[in-house]
Amino acid sequence: MLDPQVESVREMTDTIAERIATLGGVPLGTPQSIVDRRSW
């Protein structure tokens, strides 16, 4: 059940990152940047 969820969430992530870039932002997806920005 989990693999299709992983693929779908990966696509969601890509869509958001591309929207950030479209708006003039820089999507930061490196491991340390993710850890630094997590609040949970």
All heavy atoms as atom14 arrays in JSON, in Angstrom:
{
  "sequence": "MLDPQVESVREMTDTIAERIATLGGVPLGTPQSIVDRRSW",
  "atom14_mask": [
    [1, 1, 1, 1, 1, 1, 1, 1, 0, 0, 0, 0, 0, 0],
    [1, 1, 1, 1, 1, 1, 1, 1, 0, 0, 0, 0, 0, 0],
    [1, 1, 1, 1, 1, 1, 1, 1, 0, 0, 0, 0, 0, 0],
    [1, 1, 1, 1, 1, 1, 1, 0, 0, 0, 0, 0, 0, 0],
    [1, 1, 1, 1, 1, 1, 1, 1, 1, 0, 0, 0, 0, 0],
    [1, 1, 1, 1, 1, 1, 1, 0, 0, 0, 0, 0, 0, 0],
    [1, 1, 1, 1, 1, 1, 1, 1, 1, 0, 0, 0, 0, 0],
    [1, 1, 1, 1, 1, 1, 0, 0, 0, 0, 0, 0, 0, 0],
    [1, 1, 1, 1, 1, 1, 1, 0, 0, 0, 0, 0, 0, 0],
    [1, 1, 1, 1, 1, 1, 1, 1, 1, 1, 1, 0, 0, 0],
    [1, 1, 1, 1, 1, 1, 1, 1, 1, 0, 0, 0, 0, 0],
    [1, 1, 1, 1, 1, 1, 1, 1, 0, 0, 0, 0, 0, 0],
    [1, 1, 1, 1, 1, 1, 1, 0, 0, 0, 0, 0, 0, 0],
    [1, 1, 1, 1, 1, 1, 1, 1, 0, 0, 0, 0, 0, 0],
    [1, 1, 1, 1, 1, 1, 1, 0, 0, 0, 0, 0, 0, 0],
    [1, 1, 1, 1, 1, 1, 1, 1, 0, 0, 0, 0, 0, 0],
    [1, 1, 1, 1, 1, 0, 0, 0, 0, 0, 0, 0, 0, 0],
    [1, 1, 1, 1, 1, 1, 1, 1, 1, 0, 0, 0, 0, 0],
    [1, 1, 1, 1, 1, 1, 1, 1, 1, 1, 1, 0, 0, 0],
    [1, 1, 1, 1, 1, 1, 1, 1, 0, 0, 0, 0, 0, 0],
    [1, 1, 1, 1, 1, 0, 0, 0, 0, 0, 0, 0, 0, 0],
    [1, 1, 1, 1, 1, 1, 1, 0, 0, 0, 0, 0, 0, 0],
    [1, 1, 1, 1, 1, 1, 1, 1, 0, 0, 0, 0, 0, 0],
    [1, 1, 1, 1, 0, 0, 0, 0, 0, 0, 0, 0, 0, 0],
    [1, 1, 1, 1, 0, 0, 0, 0, 0, 0, 0, 0, 0, 0],
    [1, 1, 1, 1, 1, 1, 1, 0, 0, 0, 0, 0, 0, 0],
    [1, 1, 1, 1, 1, 1, 1, 0, 0, 0, 0, 0, 0, 0],
    [1, 1, 1, 1, 1, 1, 1, 1, 0, 0, 0, 0, 0, 0],
    [1, 1, 1, 1, 0, 0, 0, 0, 0, 0, 0, 0, 0, 0],
    [1, 1, 1, 1, 1, 1, 1, 0, 0, 0, 0, 0, 0, 0],
    [1, 1, 1, 1, 1, 1, 1, 0, 0, 0, 0, 0, 0, 0],
    [1, 1, 1, 1, 1, 1, 1, 1, 1, 0, 0, 0, 0, 0],
    [1, 1, 1, 1, 1, 1, 0, 0, 0, 0, 0, 0, 0, 0],
    [1, 1, 1, 1, 1, 1, 1, 1, 0, 0, 0, 0, 0, 0],
    [1, 1, 1, 1, 1, 1, 1, 0, 0, 0, 0, 0, 0, 0],
    [1, 1, 1, 1, 1, 1, 1, 1, 0, 0, 0, 0, 0, 0],
    [1, 1, 1, 1, 1, 1, 1, 1, 1, 1, 1, 0, 0, 0],
    [1, 1, 1, 1, 1, 1, 1, 1, 1, 1, 1, 0, 0, 0],
    [1, 1, 1, 1, 1, 1, 0, 0, 0, 0, 0, 0, 0, 0],
    [1, 1, 1, 1, 1, 1, 1, 1, 1, 1, 1, 1, 1, 1]
  ],
  "atom14_positions": [
    [[0.83, -1.2, 0.0], [0.0, 0.0, 0.0], [0.87, 1.26, 0.0], [0.48, 2.29, -0.56], [-0.91, 0.01, 1.24], [-1.69, 1.29, 1.46], [-2.65, 1.3, 2.99], [-1.38, 1.54, 4.23], [0.0, 0.0, 0.0], [0.0, 0.0, 0.0], [0.0, 0.0, 0.0], [0.0, 0.0, 0.0], [0.0, 0.0, 0.0], [0.0, 0.0, 0.0]],
    [[2.05, 1.17, 0.6], [2.85, 2.37, 0.82], [3.59, 2.86, -0.42], [3.76, 4.07, -0.58], [3.84, 2.13, 1.97], [3.16, 1.93, 3.33], [4.21, 1.62, 4.39], [2.32, 3.12, 3.73], [0.0, 0.0, 0.0], [0.0, 0.0, 0.0], [0.0, 0.0, 0.0], [0.0, 0.0, 0.0], [0.0, 0.0, 0.0], [0.0, 0.0, 0.0]],
    [[4.06, 1.99, -1.29], [4.83, 2.44, -2.45], [4.06, 3.41, -3.35], [4.62, 4.43, -3.76], [5.38, 1.27, -3.26], [6.77, 0.86, -2.8], [7.46, 1.67, -2.14], [7.18, -0.27, -3.11], [0.0, 0.0, 0.0], [0.0, 0.0, 0.0], [0.0, 0.0, 0.0], [0.0, 0.0, 0.0], [0.0, 0.0, 0.0], [0.0, 0.0, 0.0]],
    [[2.8, 3.14, -3.68], [2.07, 4.14, -4.48], [1.91, 5.48, -3.75], [1.92, 6.53, -4.39], [0.7, 3.49, -4.72], [0.94, 2.03, -4.56], [2.02, 1.9, -3.53], [0.0, 0.0, 0.0], [0.0, 0.0, 0.0], [0.0, 0.0, 0.0], [0.0, 0.0, 0.0], [0.0, 0.0, 0.0], [0.0, 0.0, 0.0], [0.0, 0.0, 0.0]],
    [[1.8, 5.44, -2.43], [1.73, 6.69, -1.67], [3.05, 7.45, -1.77], [3.05, 8.67, -1.94], [1.38, 6.41, -0.2], [-0.04, 5.91, -0.02], [-0.42, 5.7, 1.42], [0.08, 6.35, 2.33], [-1.36, 4.77, 1.65], [0.0, 0.0, 0.0], [0.0, 0.0, 0.0], [0.0, 0.0, 0.0], [0.0, 0.0, 0.0], [0.0, 0.0, 0.0]],
    [[4.17, 6.73, -1.68], [5.49, 7.37, -1.82], [5.58, 8.07, -3.16], [5.98, 9.24, -3.24], [6.63, 6.34, -1.67], [7.97, 6.94, -2.04], [6.68, 5.76, -0.26], [0.0, 0.0, 0.0], [0.0, 0.0, 0.0], [0.0, 0.0, 0.0], [0.0, 0.0, 0.0], [0.0, 0.0, 0.0], [0.0, 0.0, 0.0], [0.0, 0.0, 0.0]],
    [[5.21, 7.39, -4.23], [5.3, 7.96, -5.57], [4.39, 9.19, -5.72], [4.79, 10.2, -6.3], [4.97, 6.91, -6.63], [6.04, 5.85, -6.78], [7.42, 6.43, -7.02], [7.57, 7.31, -7.9], [8.36, 6.01, -6.32], [0.0, 0.0, 0.0], [0.0, 0.0, 0.0], [0.0, 0.0, 0.0], [0.0, 0.0, 0.0], [0.0, 0.0, 0.0]],
    [[3.19, 9.09, -5.2], [2.26, 10.21, -5.28], [2.77, 11.42, -4.51], [2.73, 12.55, -5.0], [0.89, 9.77, -4.76], [0.01, 10.86, -4.72], [0.0, 0.0, 0.0], [0.0, 0.0, 0.0], [0.0, 0.0, 0.0], [0.0, 0.0, 0.0], [0.0, 0.0, 0.0], [0.0, 0.0, 0.0], [0.0, 0.0, 0.0], [0.0, 0.0, 0.0]],
    [[3.27, 11.19, -3.3], [3.78, 12.28, -2.48], [5.02, 12.88, -3.13], [5.23, 14.1, -3.1], [4.04, 11.82, -1.03], [4.76, 12.88, -0.22], [2.72, 11.43, -0.35], [0.0, 0.0, 0.0], [0.0, 0.0, 0.0], [0.0, 0.0, 0.0], [0.0, 0.0, 0.0], [0.0, 0.0, 0.0], [0.0, 0.0, 0.0], [0.0, 0.0, 0.0]],
    [[5.84, 12.05, -3.76], [7.01, 12.56, -4.49], [6.56, 13.5, -5.61], [7.16, 14.56, -5.82], [7.82, 11.39, -5.05], [9.13, 11.83, -5.67], [10.0, 10.65, -6.09], [10.48, 9.99, -4.88], [10.57, 8.66, -4.73], [10.2, 7.86, -5.69], [11.02, 8.14, -3.62], [0.0, 0.0, 0.0], [0.0, 0.0, 0.0], [0.0, 0.0, 0.0]],
    [[5.5, 13.15, -6.32], [4.97, 14.02, -7.37], [4.42, 15.32, -6.79], [4.6, 16.4, -7.37], [3.89, 13.3, -8.17], [4.44, 12.21, -9.09], [3.35, 11.46, -9.84], [2.24, 12.02, -10.01], [3.61, 10.32, -10.25], [0.0, 0.0, 0.0], [0.0, 0.0, 0.0], [0.0, 0.0, 0.0], [0.0, 0.0, 0.0], [0.0, 0.0, 0.0]],
    [[3.75, 15.22, -5.64], [3.24, 16.43, -4.98], [4.4, 17.37, -4.63], [4.3, 18.59, -4.83], [2.5, 16.07, -3.69], [1.2, 15.36, -3.88], [0.52, 14.93, -2.25], [-0.7, 13.72, -2.73], [0.0, 0.0, 0.0], [0.0, 0.0, 0.0], [0.0, 0.0, 0.0], [0.0, 0.0, 0.0], [0.0, 0.0, 0.0], [0.0, 0.0, 0.0]],
    [[5.47, 16.79, -4.11], [6.65, 17.57, -3.74], [7.21, 18.29, -4.96], [7.54, 19.48, -4.9], [7.72, 16.66, -3.11], [7.15, 15.96, -2.02], [8.92, 17.44, -2.65], [0.0, 0.0, 0.0], [0.0, 0.0, 0.0], [0.0, 0.0, 0.0], [0.0, 0.0, 0.0], [0.0, 0.0, 0.0], [0.0, 0.0, 0.0], [0.0, 0.0, 0.0]],
    [[7.31, 17.58, -6.06], [7.84, 18.16, -7.29], [6.95, 19.3, -7.78], [7.43, 20.35, -8.19], [7.98, 17.07, -8.36], [8.71, 17.56, -9.59], [9.84, 18.07, -9.45], [8.16, 17.43, -10.7], [0.0, 0.0, 0.0], [0.0, 0.0, 0.0], [0.0, 0.0, 0.0], [0.0, 0.0, 0.0], [0.0, 0.0, 0.0], [0.0, 0.0, 0.0]],
    [[5.65, 19.11, -7.71], [4.71, 20.14, -8.13], [4.87, 21.4, -7.28], [4.9, 22.52, -7.81], [3.26, 19.62, -8.04], [3.14, 18.48, -8.9], [2.25, 20.67, -8.44], [0.0, 0.0, 0.0], [0.0, 0.0, 0.0], [0.0, 0.0, 0.0], [0.0, 0.0, 0.0], [0.0, 0.0, 0.0], [0.0, 0.0, 0.0], [0.0, 0.0, 0.0]],
    [[5.01, 21.22, -5.98], [5.2, 22.38, -5.09], [6.53, 23.07, -5.39], [6.59, 24.3, -5.47], [5.09, 21.98, -3.61], [3.64, 21.64, -3.28], [5.61, 23.09, -2.7], [3.42, 21.14, -1.87], [0.0, 0.0, 0.0], [0.0, 0.0, 0.0], [0.0, 0.0, 0.0], [0.0, 0.0, 0.0], [0.0, 0.0, 0.0], [0.0, 0.0, 0.0]],
    [[7.59, 22.28, -5.54], [8.91, 22.87, -5.82], [8.87, 23.68, -7.12], [9.42, 24.79, -7.19], [9.97, 21.78, -5.9], [0.0, 0.0, 0.0], [0.0, 0.0, 0.0], [0.0, 0.0, 0.0], [0.0, 0.0, 0.0], [0.0, 0.0, 0.0], [0.0, 0.0, 0.0], [0.0, 0.0, 0.0], [0.0, 0.0, 0.0], [0.0, 0.0, 0.0]],
    [[8.21, 23.16, -8.13], [8.12, 23.88, -9.4], [7.26, 25.14, -9.27], [7.54, 26.15, -9.9], [7.6, 22.95, -10.49], [8.65, 21.91, -10.86], [8.17, 20.86, -11.84], [6.96, 20.85, -12.19], [9.01, 20.03, -12.24], [0.0, 0.0, 0.0], [0.0, 0.0, 0.0], [0.0, 0.0, 0.0], [0.0, 0.0, 0.0], [0.0, 0.0, 0.0]],
    [[6.24, 25.1, -8.41], [5.43, 26.3, -8.18], [6.26, 27.37, -7.46], [6.19, 28.55, -7.8], [4.17, 25.96, -7.36], [3.25, 27.16, -7.13], [2.58, 27.59, -8.41], [1.75, 28.78, -8.17], [1.42, 29.64, -9.09], [1.8, 29.46, -10.35], [0.68, 30.68, -8.8], [0.0, 0.0, 0.0], [0.0, 0.0, 0.0], [0.0, 0.0, 0.0]],
    [[7.08, 26.95, -6.5], [7.97, 27.87, -5.81], [8.89, 28.55, -6.83], [9.06, 29.77, -6.81], [8.79, 27.15, -4.72], [7.87, 26.75, -3.55], [9.95, 28.01, -4.23], [8.51, 25.8, -2.54], [0.0, 0.0, 0.0], [0.0, 0.0, 0.0], [0.0, 0.0, 0.0], [0.0, 0.0, 0.0], [0.0, 0.0, 0.0], [0.0, 0.0, 0.0]],
    [[9.46, 27.77, -7.74], [10.35, 28.33, -8.76], [9.58, 29.27, -9.69], [10.08, 30.33, -10.07], [11.02, 27.21, -9.56], [0.0, 0.0, 0.0], [0.0, 0.0, 0.0], [0.0, 0.0, 0.0], [0.0, 0.0, 0.0], [0.0, 0.0, 0.0], [0.0, 0.0, 0.0], [0.0, 0.0, 0.0], [0.0, 0.0, 0.0], [0.0, 0.0, 0.0]],
    [[8.36, 28.89, -10.05], [7.53, 29.73, -10.92], [7.28, 31.1, -10.28], [7.25, 32.12, -10.98], [6.19, 29.04, -11.2], [6.44, 27.81, -11.89], [5.26, 29.9, -12.03], [0.0, 0.0, 0.0], [0.0, 0.0, 0.0], [0.0, 0.0, 0.0], [0.0, 0.0, 0.0], [0.0, 0.0, 0.0], [0.0, 0.0, 0.0], [0.0, 0.0, 0.0]],
    [[7.14, 31.12, -8.97], [6.87, 32.37, -8.26], [8.14, 33.16, -7.97], [8.07, 34.24, -7.37], [6.12, 32.09, -6.96], [4.73, 31.47, -7.13], [4.12, 31.16, -5.78], [3.83, 32.38, -7.95], [0.0, 0.0, 0.0], [0.0, 0.0, 0.0], [0.0, 0.0, 0.0], [0.0, 0.0, 0.0], [0.0, 0.0, 0.0], [0.0, 0.0, 0.0]],
    [[9.29, 32.63, -8.4], [10.55, 33.34, -8.21], [11.35, 32.87, -7.01], [12.36, 33.46, -6.67], [0.0, 0.0, 0.0], [0.0, 0.0, 0.0], [0.0, 0.0, 0.0], [0.0, 0.0, 0.0], [0.0, 0.0, 0.0], [0.0, 0.0, 0.0], [0.0, 0.0, 0.0], [0.0, 0.0, 0.0], [0.0, 0.0, 0.0], [0.0, 0.0, 0.0]],
    [[10.88, 31.82, -6.37], [11.59, 31.28, -5.22], [12.62, 30.24, -5.63], [12.71, 29.85, -6.8], [0.0, 0.0, 0.0], [0.0, 0.0, 0.0], [0.0, 0.0, 0.0], [0.0, 0.0, 0.0], [0.0, 0.0, 0.0], [0.0, 0.0, 0.0], [0.0, 0.0, 0.0], [0.0, 0.0, 0.0], [0.0, 0.0, 0.0], [0.0, 0.0, 0.0]],
    [[13.37, 29.8, -4.67], [14.38, 28.76, -4.88], [14.01, 27.59, -3.98], [14.15, 27.67, -2.75], [15.79, 29.27, -4.53], [16.83, 28.16, -4.7], [16.15, 30.48, -5.39], [0.0, 0.0, 0.0], [0.0, 0.0, 0.0], [0.0, 0.0, 0.0], [0.0, 0.0, 0.0], [0.0, 0.0, 0.0], [0.0, 0.0, 0.0], [0.0, 0.0, 0.0]],
    [[13.49, 26.5, -4.54], [13.13, 25.35, -3.72], [14.4, 24.66, -3.2], [15.22, 24.21, -4.0], [12.33, 24.46, -4.66], [12.64, 24.93, -6.03], [13.15, 26.32, -5.95], [0.0, 0.0, 0.0], [0.0, 0.0, 0.0], [0.0, 0.0, 0.0], [0.0, 0.0, 0.0], [0.0, 0.0, 0.0], [0.0, 0.0, 0.0], [0.0, 0.0, 0.0]],
    [[14.54, 24.63, -1.9], [15.72, 24.01, -1.28], [15.33, 22.63, -0.76], [14.55, 22.53, 0.18], [16.25, 24.88, -0.15], [16.7, 26.28, -0.53], [17.05, 27.09, 0.71], [17.87, 26.22, -1.49], [0.0, 0.0, 0.0], [0.0, 0.0, 0.0], [0.0, 0.0, 0.0], [0.0, 0.0, 0.0], [0.0, 0.0, 0.0], [0.0, 0.0, 0.0]],
    [[15.9, 21.6, -1.38], [15.55, 20.24, -1.0], [16.73, 19.41, -0.54], [16.64, 18.19, -0.54], [0.0, 0.0, 0.0], [0.0, 0.0, 0.0], [0.0, 0.0, 0.0], [0.0, 0.0, 0.0], [0.0, 0.0, 0.0], [0.0, 0.0, 0.0], [0.0, 0.0, 0.0], [0.0, 0.0, 0.0], [0.0, 0.0, 0.0], [0.0, 0.0, 0.0]],
    [[17.82, 20.05, -0.14], [18.97, 19.28, 0.34], [18.67, 18.75, 1.75], [17.89, 19.35, 2.5], [20.24, 20.15, 0.35], [20.01, 21.28, 1.2], [20.59, 20.61, -1.06], [0.0, 0.0, 0.0], [0.0, 0.0, 0.0], [0.0, 0.0, 0.0], [0.0, 0.0, 0.0], [0.0, 0.0, 0.0], [0.0, 0.0, 0.0], [0.0, 0.0, 0.0]],
    [[19.29, 17.63, 2.11], [18.97, 17.02, 3.41], [19.1, 17.96, 4.59], [18.17, 18.06, 5.41], [19.97, 15.85, 3.5], [20.23, 15.47, 2.08], [20.22, 16.79, 1.33], [0.0, 0.0, 0.0], [0.0, 0.0, 0.0], [0.0, 0.0, 0.0], [0.0, 0.0, 0.0], [0.0, 0.0, 0.0], [0.0, 0.0, 0.0], [0.0, 0.0, 0.0]],
    [[20.2, 18.68, 4.71], [20.37, 19.55, 5.86], [19.37, 20.69, 5.86], [18.85, 21.07, 6.91], [21.8, 20.12, 5.92], [22.1, 20.85, 7.22], [21.99, 19.95, 8.44], [22.63, 18.9, 8.51], [21.17, 20.33, 9.4], [0.0, 0.0, 0.0], [0.0, 0.0, 0.0], [0.0, 0.0, 0.0], [0.0, 0.0, 0.0], [0.0, 0.0, 0.0]],
    [[19.05, 21.22, 4.68], [18.07, 22.32, 4.63], [16.7, 21.84, 5.07], [15.95, 22.59, 5.71], [18.02, 22.94, 3.24], [17.35, 22.09, 2.32], [0.0, 0.0, 0.0], [0.0, 0.0, 0.0], [0.0, 0.0, 0.0], [0.0, 0.0, 0.0], [0.0, 0.0, 0.0], [0.0, 0.0, 0.0], [0.0, 0.0, 0.0], [0.0, 0.0, 0.0]],
    [[16.37, 20.6, 4.77], [15.08, 20.03, 5.2], [15.06, 19.89, 6.71], [14.12, 20.32, 7.39], [14.82, 18.67, 4.52], [14.74, 18.83, 2.99], [13.56, 18.01, 5.07], [13.72, 19.8, 2.49], [0.0, 0.0, 0.0], [0.0, 0.0, 0.0], [0.0, 0.0, 0.0], [0.0, 0.0, 0.0], [0.0, 0.0, 0.0], [0.0, 0.0, 0.0]],
    [[16.11, 19.32, 7.27], [16.19, 19.14, 8.73], [16.14, 20.49, 9.43], [15.43, 20.67, 10.43], [17.46, 18.36, 9.11], [17.68, 18.38, 10.62], [17.39, 16.93, 8.59], [0.0, 0.0, 0.0], [0.0, 0.0, 0.0], [0.0, 0.0, 0.0], [0.0, 0.0, 0.0], [0.0, 0.0, 0.0], [0.0, 0.0, 0.0], [0.0, 0.0, 0.0]],
    [[16.86, 21.47, 8.9], [16.89, 22.8, 9.52], [15.52, 23.48, 9.53], [15.24, 24.28, 10.42], [17.88, 23.71, 8.79], [19.33, 23.31, 9.01], [19.61, 22.5, 9.93], [20.19, 23.81, 8.26], [0.0, 0.0, 0.0], [0.0, 0.0, 0.0], [0.0, 0.0, 0.0], [0.0, 0.0, 0.0], [0.0, 0.0, 0.0], [0.0, 0.0, 0.0]],
    [[14.68, 23.18, 8.55], [13.39, 23.87, 8.43], [12.23, 23.08, 9.03], [11.11, 23.57, 9.08], [13.12, 24.21, 6.96], [14.15, 25.22, 6.46], [13.9, 25.81, 5.09], [13.18, 25.11, 4.08], [13.74, 24.31, 3.15], [15.04, 24.08, 3.13], [13.0, 23.76, 2.22], [0.0, 0.0, 0.0], [0.0, 0.0, 0.0], [0.0, 0.0, 0.0]],
    [[12.47, 21.87, 9.49], [11.39, 21.07, 10.1], [11.0, 21.65, 11.45], [11.84, 22.11, 12.2], [11.86, 19.63, 10.33], [11.87, 18.81, 9.13], [12.37, 17.43, 9.36], [12.13, 16.93, 10.7], [12.31, 15.68, 11.04], [12.75, 14.81, 10.17], [12.09, 15.29, 12.27], [0.0, 0.0, 0.0], [0.0, 0.0, 0.0], [0.0, 0.0, 0.0]],
    [[9.72, 21.57, 11.76], [9.24, 22.05, 13.07], [8.62, 20.9, 13.87], [7.96, 21.13, 14.87], [8.22, 23.17, 12.86], [7.13, 22.7, 12.12], [0.0, 0.0, 0.0], [0.0, 0.0, 0.0], [0.0, 0.0, 0.0], [0.0, 0.0, 0.0], [0.0, 0.0, 0.0], [0.0, 0.0, 0.0], [0.0, 0.0, 0.0], [0.0, 0.0, 0.0]],
    [[8.84, 19.67, 13.45], [8.25, 18.51, 14.11], [9.34, 17.5, 14.42], [10.44, 17.56, 13.87], [7.16, 17.87, 13.25], [7.63, 17.57, 11.86], [8.22, 16.41, 11.42], [7.59, 18.44, 10.72], [8.53, 16.52, 10.09], [8.15, 17.76, 9.64], [7.1, 19.74, 10.53], [8.27, 18.33, 8.38], [7.24, 20.3, 9.27], [7.8, 19.6, 8.21]]
  ]
}
